[in-house]
Protein backbone atom coordinates (compact mmCIF):
# COMPACT_ATOMS: atom_id res chain seq x y z
CA MET A 1 0.14 0.10 0.04
CA SER A 2 0.94 3.51 -0.52
CA ARG A 3 2.27 5.70 1.99
CA PHE A 4 3.53 9.25 3.13
CA ILE A 5 6.76 9.43 5.00
CA SER A 6 6.72 13.25 5.13
CA THR A 7 3.77 15.68 6.48
CA LEU A 8 2.39 17.87 4.73
CA LYS A 9 3.71 21.26 5.65
CA THR A 10 2.36 24.54 3.69
CA ASP A 11 2.26 28.20 3.70
CA GLN A 12 -0.90 29.90 2.30
CA THR A 13 0.24 32.55 -0.34
CA ASP A 14 -3.17 33.66 -0.88
CA ARG A 15 -6.89 32.67 -1.36
CA ARG A 16 -6.83 29.97 -2.99
CA THR A 17 -2.97 28.99 -2.81
CA TYR A 18 -0.62 27.33 -0.06
CA LYS A 19 2.78 26.65 -0.99
CA LEU A 20 5.18 23.89 0.29
CA LEU A 21 7.83 24.26 3.16
CA ASP A 22 9.53 21.00 3.23
CA ASP A 23 9.31 18.42 0.52
CA LEU A 24 6.25 15.64 0.32
CA VAL A 25 7.29 12.13 -0.10
CA LEU A 26 5.00 9.30 -1.47
CA ALA A 27 6.28 5.91 -1.23
CA ASP A 28 3.78 4.75 -4.36
CA ASP A 29 2.77 1.22 -4.88
CA ASP A 30 4.57 0.79 -7.54
CA GLN A 31 7.78 0.74 -5.46
CA ARG A 32 8.73 4.17 -6.99
CA THR A 33 8.92 7.66 -4.45
CA ILE A 34 7.45 10.85 -5.86
CA ILE A 35 8.86 13.58 -3.75
CA VAL A 36 6.93 17.12 -4.47
CA PRO A 37 10.04 19.56 -3.53
CA SER A 38 9.62 22.43 -0.84
CA GLY A 39 8.67 25.59 -2.92
CA PHE A 40 6.06 23.89 -4.71
CA VAL A 41 2.60 25.73 -5.12
CA THR A 42 -0.77 23.87 -4.65
CA ASP A 43 -4.51 25.00 -5.07
CA PHE A 44 -4.85 21.29 -3.32
CA ALA A 45 -8.45 20.14 -4.71
CA SER A 46 -10.13 23.21 -5.98
CA ILE A 47 -11.98 23.13 -8.88
CA GLN A 48 -11.28 26.03 -11.19
CA VAL A 49 -15.03 26.81 -12.68
CA LEU A 50 -18.08 25.11 -10.99
CA HIS A 51 -19.95 24.93 -14.37
CA ASN A 52 -21.06 21.85 -14.21
CA ALA A 53 -23.82 20.51 -11.54
CA PHE A 54 -22.39 17.13 -10.98
CA LEU A 55 -18.89 18.31 -10.74
CA PHE A 56 -19.87 21.05 -7.97
CA VAL A 57 -22.43 17.95 -6.57
CA LEU A 58 -18.98 15.87 -6.81
CA PHE A 59 -16.76 18.71 -5.29
CA ALA A 60 -18.80 19.27 -2.37
CA LEU A 61 -18.46 15.29 -0.70
CA VAL A 62 -15.05 15.83 -1.55
CA ALA A 63 -13.71 19.12 -0.31
CA GLY A 64 -11.83 19.01 2.46
CA TYR A 65 -10.59 15.95 2.16
CA GLY A 66 -6.93 14.25 0.71
CA ASN A 67 -4.40 17.82 1.07
CA TYR A 68 -1.68 15.58 0.81
CA ALA A 69 -2.46 13.42 -2.27
CA ALA A 70 -4.32 16.61 -4.10
CA THR A 71 -0.93 18.23 -3.92
CA VAL A 72 1.33 15.17 -5.11
CA HIS A 73 -1.87 15.24 -8.18
CA ASP A 74 -0.46 18.98 -8.70
CA PHE A 75 2.98 17.95 -8.52
CA LEU A 76 2.34 15.38 -11.29
CA TYR A 77 -0.07 17.45 -14.08
CA SER A 78 2.40 19.86 -13.94
CA GLU A 79 5.50 17.59 -14.30
CA GLY A 80 3.98 15.92 -16.81
CA GLN A 81 6.63 12.89 -16.83
CA VAL A 82 3.65 10.63 -16.02
CA SER A 83 0.58 9.84 -18.62
CA ARG A 84 -2.73 12.06 -17.03
CA LYS A 85 -3.88 8.37 -16.78
CA GLU A 86 -1.26 7.60 -13.86
CA ALA A 87 -1.32 10.50 -12.21
CA ASP A 88 -4.92 10.02 -11.46
CA ALA A 89 -3.77 6.81 -10.59
CA VAL A 90 -1.53 7.98 -7.88
CA LEU A 91 -4.23 10.32 -6.67
CA TYR A 92 -6.56 7.33 -5.76
CA ARG A 93 -3.58 4.95 -4.06
CA ALA A 94 -2.47 8.59 -2.38
CA LEU A 95 -5.81 9.39 -1.15
CA ARG A 96 -6.28 5.76 0.37
CA ALA A 97 -2.62 6.16 1.93
CA GLU A 98 -3.96 9.23 3.40
CA GLY A 99 -6.78 7.38 5.02
CA VAL A 100 -9.57 8.74 2.58
CA ALA A 101 -12.78 5.97 2.76
CA ARG A 102 -12.36 4.12 -0.77
CA TRP A 103 -16.23 5.85 -1.80
CA ARG A 104 -14.90 9.56 -1.63
CA ALA A 105 -11.33 8.31 -2.77
CA TRP A 106 -13.28 7.21 -5.99
CA LEU A 107 -15.00 9.93 -6.29
CA PHE A 108 -11.96 12.39 -6.59
CA TRP A 109 -10.54 9.56 -9.05
CA ALA A 110 -14.07 10.18 -11.10
CA GLY A 111 -14.12 14.19 -10.86
CA VAL A 112 -10.10 14.27 -12.07
CA ARG A 113 -11.24 11.55 -15.00
CA ILE A 114 -14.06 13.79 -16.21
CA GLY A 115 -12.58 17.75 -15.57
CA GLY A 116 -9.13 17.14 -15.24
CA GLY A 117 -8.40 16.60 -18.77
CA LYS A 118 -8.17 20.48 -19.69
CA ARG A 119 -5.52 21.33 -16.37
CA TYR A 120 -3.35 18.42 -17.70
CA ALA A 121 -2.69 20.17 -20.93
CA VAL A 122 -2.62 23.51 -19.93
CA ARG A 123 0.07 22.59 -17.57
CA ASN A 124 2.03 20.61 -20.16
């Protein structure tokens, strides 16, 4: 099972973004270690435009959960070193490592599969 090796330490930089004060390290299931470096800026699991009623409901069910996992996911999307599909799979495993319930982790995963494509394309 994936597990976080370090603690998420951030400083809020503005209303929606946070800067990592220390590296965030995830030992992922596939024996890979993912290091999100100190200084990386994340917005956790925010949705930029809540134009879709389904995504709004989905967001309401997952808001406030998974900040560790969302930070890793933001980093993977920003780096583009893995496919979008793999980044989303890492998100699910990281959510479970963080202790998020399976059903909520699945909703998170479904939300990024449905609405994350533009964010991945824009960042790469």
